[in-house]
């Protein structure tokens, strides 16, 4: 969520990162939650550090974390159609 200045504020980013970790933990049930949490925060921070524009950094985080979890040998479980 963004403020009137269009910038995502710290509390909002923490909530968004926690939500990303929730989603990724559901999709990688064999990966320890602590590992998923750490990767989400590390990848987000890395992308943010290198970003010229911050708007899409959060949306780029999930695919990078998925890639890293797969590289670590965890299997992706797609959500069931409901």
N, C-alpha and C. Protein backbone atom coordinates (compact mmCIF):
# COMPACT_ATOMS: atom_id res chain seq x y z
N UNK A 1 0.83 -1.16 0.00
CA UNK A 1 0.00 0.00 0.00
C UNK A 1 0.89 1.24 0.00
N UNK A 2 0.42 2.28 -0.63
CA UNK A 2 1.24 3.48 -0.72
C UNK A 2 0.55 4.64 -0.03
N UNK A 3 1.35 5.59 0.38
CA UNK A 3 0.83 6.81 0.98
C UNK A 3 0.50 7.82 -0.10
N UNK A 4 0.13 9.01 0.32
CA UNK A 4 -0.21 10.07 -0.63
C UNK A 4 0.97 10.46 -1.50
N UNK A 5 2.16 10.17 -1.04
CA UNK A 5 3.35 10.50 -1.82
C UNK A 5 3.69 9.42 -2.84
N UNK A 6 2.89 8.33 -2.89
CA UNK A 6 3.11 7.27 -3.86
C UNK A 6 4.20 6.29 -3.47
N UNK A 7 4.75 6.43 -2.28
CA UNK A 7 5.83 5.57 -1.83
C UNK A 7 5.29 4.54 -0.85
N UNK A 8 5.69 3.30 -1.03
CA UNK A 8 5.31 2.26 -0.08
C UNK A 8 6.05 2.51 1.23
N UNK A 9 5.32 2.50 2.30
CA UNK A 9 5.91 2.79 3.61
C UNK A 9 6.32 1.49 4.30
N UNK A 10 7.24 1.58 5.24
CA UNK A 10 7.87 0.44 5.87
C UNK A 10 6.88 -0.61 6.35
N UNK A 11 5.87 -0.19 7.08
CA UNK A 11 4.88 -1.15 7.58
C UNK A 11 4.19 -1.88 6.45
N UNK A 12 3.91 -1.17 5.38
CA UNK A 12 3.24 -1.77 4.23
C UNK A 12 4.16 -2.79 3.54
N UNK A 13 5.42 -2.48 3.43
CA UNK A 13 6.38 -3.40 2.81
C UNK A 13 6.55 -4.64 3.67
N UNK A 14 6.61 -4.47 4.97
CA UNK A 14 6.72 -5.63 5.86
C UNK A 14 5.52 -6.56 5.67
N UNK A 15 4.33 -5.98 5.57
CA UNK A 15 3.12 -6.78 5.35
C UNK A 15 3.18 -7.47 4.00
N UNK A 16 3.60 -6.75 2.97
CA UNK A 16 3.68 -7.31 1.62
C UNK A 16 4.72 -8.44 1.55
N UNK A 17 5.85 -8.27 2.20
CA UNK A 17 6.88 -9.30 2.20
C UNK A 17 6.41 -10.53 2.97
N UNK A 18 5.69 -10.32 4.05
CA UNK A 18 5.15 -11.44 4.82
C UNK A 18 4.12 -12.20 3.97
N UNK A 19 3.32 -11.48 3.21
CA UNK A 19 2.33 -12.11 2.32
C UNK A 19 3.04 -12.92 1.23
N UNK A 20 4.10 -12.38 0.67
CA UNK A 20 4.88 -13.12 -0.34
C UNK A 20 5.44 -14.40 0.27
N UNK A 21 5.96 -14.31 1.47
CA UNK A 21 6.50 -15.49 2.14
C UNK A 21 5.39 -16.51 2.40
N UNK A 22 4.19 -16.04 2.76
CA UNK A 22 3.05 -16.94 2.97
C UNK A 22 2.74 -17.71 1.69
N UNK A 23 2.65 -16.98 0.58
CA UNK A 23 2.33 -17.59 -0.72
C UNK A 23 3.41 -18.59 -1.11
N UNK A 24 4.66 -18.20 -0.97
CA UNK A 24 5.76 -19.07 -1.36
C UNK A 24 5.86 -20.29 -0.46
N UNK A 25 5.57 -20.14 0.80
CA UNK A 25 5.58 -21.28 1.72
C UNK A 25 4.50 -22.29 1.35
N UNK A 26 3.36 -21.81 0.87
CA UNK A 26 2.30 -22.71 0.41
C UNK A 26 2.74 -23.45 -0.85
N UNK A 27 3.47 -22.77 -1.71
CA UNK A 27 3.89 -23.38 -2.98
C UNK A 27 5.13 -24.25 -2.84
N UNK A 28 5.87 -24.05 -1.76
CA UNK A 28 7.06 -24.86 -1.48
C UNK A 28 6.93 -25.41 -0.06
N UNK A 29 6.00 -26.35 0.16
CA UNK A 29 5.74 -26.82 1.53
C UNK A 29 6.92 -27.56 2.17
N UNK A 30 7.86 -28.04 1.37
CA UNK A 30 9.02 -28.74 1.93
C UNK A 30 10.14 -27.80 2.36
N UNK A 31 10.06 -26.55 1.93
CA UNK A 31 11.10 -25.57 2.30
C UNK A 31 10.79 -25.02 3.68
N UNK A 32 11.77 -24.97 4.55
CA UNK A 32 11.55 -24.40 5.89
C UNK A 32 11.09 -22.94 5.79
N UNK A 33 10.11 -22.59 6.59
CA UNK A 33 9.55 -21.23 6.55
C UNK A 33 10.64 -20.18 6.79
N UNK A 34 11.55 -20.45 7.69
CA UNK A 34 12.61 -19.48 7.97
C UNK A 34 13.47 -19.22 6.74
N UNK A 35 13.70 -20.27 5.96
CA UNK A 35 14.49 -20.14 4.74
C UNK A 35 13.73 -19.30 3.70
N UNK A 36 12.43 -19.54 3.58
CA UNK A 36 11.61 -18.77 2.65
C UNK A 36 11.58 -17.30 3.07
N UNK A 37 11.35 -17.05 4.36
CA UNK A 37 11.34 -15.68 4.86
C UNK A 37 12.65 -14.96 4.55
N UNK A 38 13.75 -15.63 4.84
CA UNK A 38 15.07 -15.02 4.61
C UNK A 38 15.28 -14.73 3.13
N UNK A 39 14.92 -15.67 2.27
CA UNK A 39 15.09 -15.45 0.83
C UNK A 39 14.25 -14.29 0.32
N UNK A 40 13.01 -14.21 0.77
CA UNK A 40 12.14 -13.11 0.34
C UNK A 40 12.77 -11.77 0.72
N UNK A 41 13.23 -11.66 1.95
CA UNK A 41 13.83 -10.40 2.39
C UNK A 41 15.15 -10.10 1.67
N UNK A 42 15.97 -11.14 1.49
CA UNK A 42 17.26 -10.95 0.82
C UNK A 42 17.08 -10.54 -0.64
N UNK A 43 16.20 -11.24 -1.34
CA UNK A 43 15.98 -10.94 -2.75
C UNK A 43 15.38 -9.56 -2.91
N UNK A 44 14.40 -9.22 -2.08
CA UNK A 44 13.79 -7.89 -2.15
C UNK A 44 14.84 -6.81 -1.92
N UNK A 45 15.67 -6.98 -0.90
CA UNK A 45 16.70 -5.99 -0.60
C UNK A 45 17.70 -5.86 -1.74
N UNK A 46 18.08 -6.99 -2.33
CA UNK A 46 19.02 -6.97 -3.45
C UNK A 46 18.42 -6.24 -4.65
N UNK A 47 17.19 -6.56 -4.98
CA UNK A 47 16.54 -5.90 -6.11
C UNK A 47 16.36 -4.41 -5.84
N UNK A 48 15.99 -4.07 -4.63
CA UNK A 48 15.79 -2.67 -4.26
C UNK A 48 17.10 -1.89 -4.35
N UNK A 49 18.18 -2.51 -3.94
CA UNK A 49 19.49 -1.87 -3.95
C UNK A 49 19.91 -1.52 -5.38
N UNK A 50 19.58 -2.41 -6.33
CA UNK A 50 19.99 -2.21 -7.71
C UNK A 50 18.96 -1.48 -8.57
N UNK A 51 17.78 -1.19 -8.00
CA UNK A 51 16.69 -0.62 -8.79
C UNK A 51 16.86 0.87 -9.04
N UNK A 52 16.60 1.25 -10.27
CA UNK A 52 16.52 2.67 -10.59
C UNK A 52 15.10 3.17 -10.33
N UNK A 53 14.13 2.28 -10.51
CA UNK A 53 12.73 2.58 -10.24
C UNK A 53 12.23 1.50 -9.28
N UNK A 54 11.63 1.91 -8.17
CA UNK A 54 11.25 0.96 -7.13
C UNK A 54 9.86 0.36 -7.32
N UNK A 55 9.10 0.84 -8.27
CA UNK A 55 7.70 0.46 -8.41
C UNK A 55 7.47 -1.03 -8.51
N UNK A 56 8.28 -1.74 -9.27
CA UNK A 56 8.02 -3.15 -9.53
C UNK A 56 8.93 -4.11 -8.76
N UNK A 57 9.68 -3.60 -7.82
CA UNK A 57 10.62 -4.46 -7.09
C UNK A 57 9.91 -5.60 -6.37
N UNK A 58 8.80 -5.31 -5.73
CA UNK A 58 8.08 -6.37 -5.01
C UNK A 58 7.58 -7.44 -5.98
N UNK A 59 7.06 -7.04 -7.13
CA UNK A 59 6.54 -8.03 -8.08
C UNK A 59 7.65 -8.87 -8.70
N UNK A 60 8.87 -8.38 -8.71
CA UNK A 60 10.00 -9.14 -9.24
C UNK A 60 10.58 -10.11 -8.21
N UNK A 61 10.22 -9.91 -6.96
CA UNK A 61 10.78 -10.71 -5.88
C UNK A 61 10.33 -12.17 -5.96
N UNK A 62 9.03 -12.40 -6.15
CA UNK A 62 8.51 -13.78 -6.13
C UNK A 62 9.17 -14.68 -7.17
N UNK A 63 9.25 -14.27 -8.45
CA UNK A 63 9.89 -15.17 -9.41
C UNK A 63 11.35 -15.47 -9.10
N UNK A 64 12.06 -14.50 -8.55
CA UNK A 64 13.47 -14.74 -8.18
C UNK A 64 13.58 -15.73 -7.03
N UNK A 65 12.69 -15.60 -6.06
CA UNK A 65 12.71 -16.52 -4.93
C UNK A 65 12.33 -17.93 -5.40
N UNK A 66 11.33 -18.02 -6.27
CA UNK A 66 10.94 -19.32 -6.83
C UNK A 66 12.14 -19.97 -7.51
N UNK A 67 12.84 -19.19 -8.30
CA UNK A 67 14.03 -19.70 -9.00
C UNK A 67 15.07 -20.22 -8.00
N UNK A 68 15.31 -19.46 -6.95
CA UNK A 68 16.32 -19.86 -5.98
C UNK A 68 15.89 -21.10 -5.19
N UNK A 69 14.62 -21.18 -4.84
CA UNK A 69 14.14 -22.36 -4.12
C UNK A 69 14.24 -23.61 -5.00
N UNK A 70 13.93 -23.46 -6.27
CA UNK A 70 14.07 -24.61 -7.19
C UNK A 70 15.54 -25.02 -7.31
N UNK A 71 16.43 -24.03 -7.38
CA UNK A 71 17.86 -24.33 -7.46
C UNK A 71 18.34 -25.06 -6.21
N UNK A 72 17.69 -24.82 -5.10
CA UNK A 72 18.05 -25.48 -3.84
C UNK A 72 17.42 -26.86 -3.72
N UNK A 73 16.66 -27.25 -4.74
CA UNK A 73 16.10 -28.60 -4.78
C UNK A 73 14.68 -28.75 -4.26
N UNK A 74 14.02 -27.66 -3.97
CA UNK A 74 12.64 -27.74 -3.51
C UNK A 74 11.70 -27.79 -4.71
N UNK A 75 10.63 -28.58 -4.57
CA UNK A 75 9.64 -28.72 -5.64
C UNK A 75 8.52 -27.71 -5.46
N UNK A 76 8.14 -27.10 -6.57
CA UNK A 76 7.04 -26.15 -6.61
C UNK A 76 5.73 -26.92 -6.70
N UNK A 77 4.81 -26.62 -5.83
CA UNK A 77 3.47 -27.21 -5.85
C UNK A 77 2.50 -26.11 -6.26
N UNK A 78 1.95 -26.25 -7.46
CA UNK A 78 1.01 -25.25 -7.97
C UNK A 78 -0.27 -25.31 -7.15
N UNK A 79 -0.88 -24.14 -6.92
CA UNK A 79 -2.15 -24.15 -6.18
C UNK A 79 -3.22 -24.88 -6.98
N UNK A 80 -4.07 -25.58 -6.27
CA UNK A 80 -5.14 -26.31 -6.94
C UNK A 80 -6.22 -25.34 -7.38
N UNK A 81 -6.77 -25.58 -8.57
CA UNK A 81 -7.86 -24.75 -9.07
C UNK A 81 -9.08 -24.98 -8.19
N UNK A 82 -9.69 -23.90 -7.80
CA UNK A 82 -10.79 -24.06 -6.87
C UNK A 82 -12.00 -23.52 -7.38
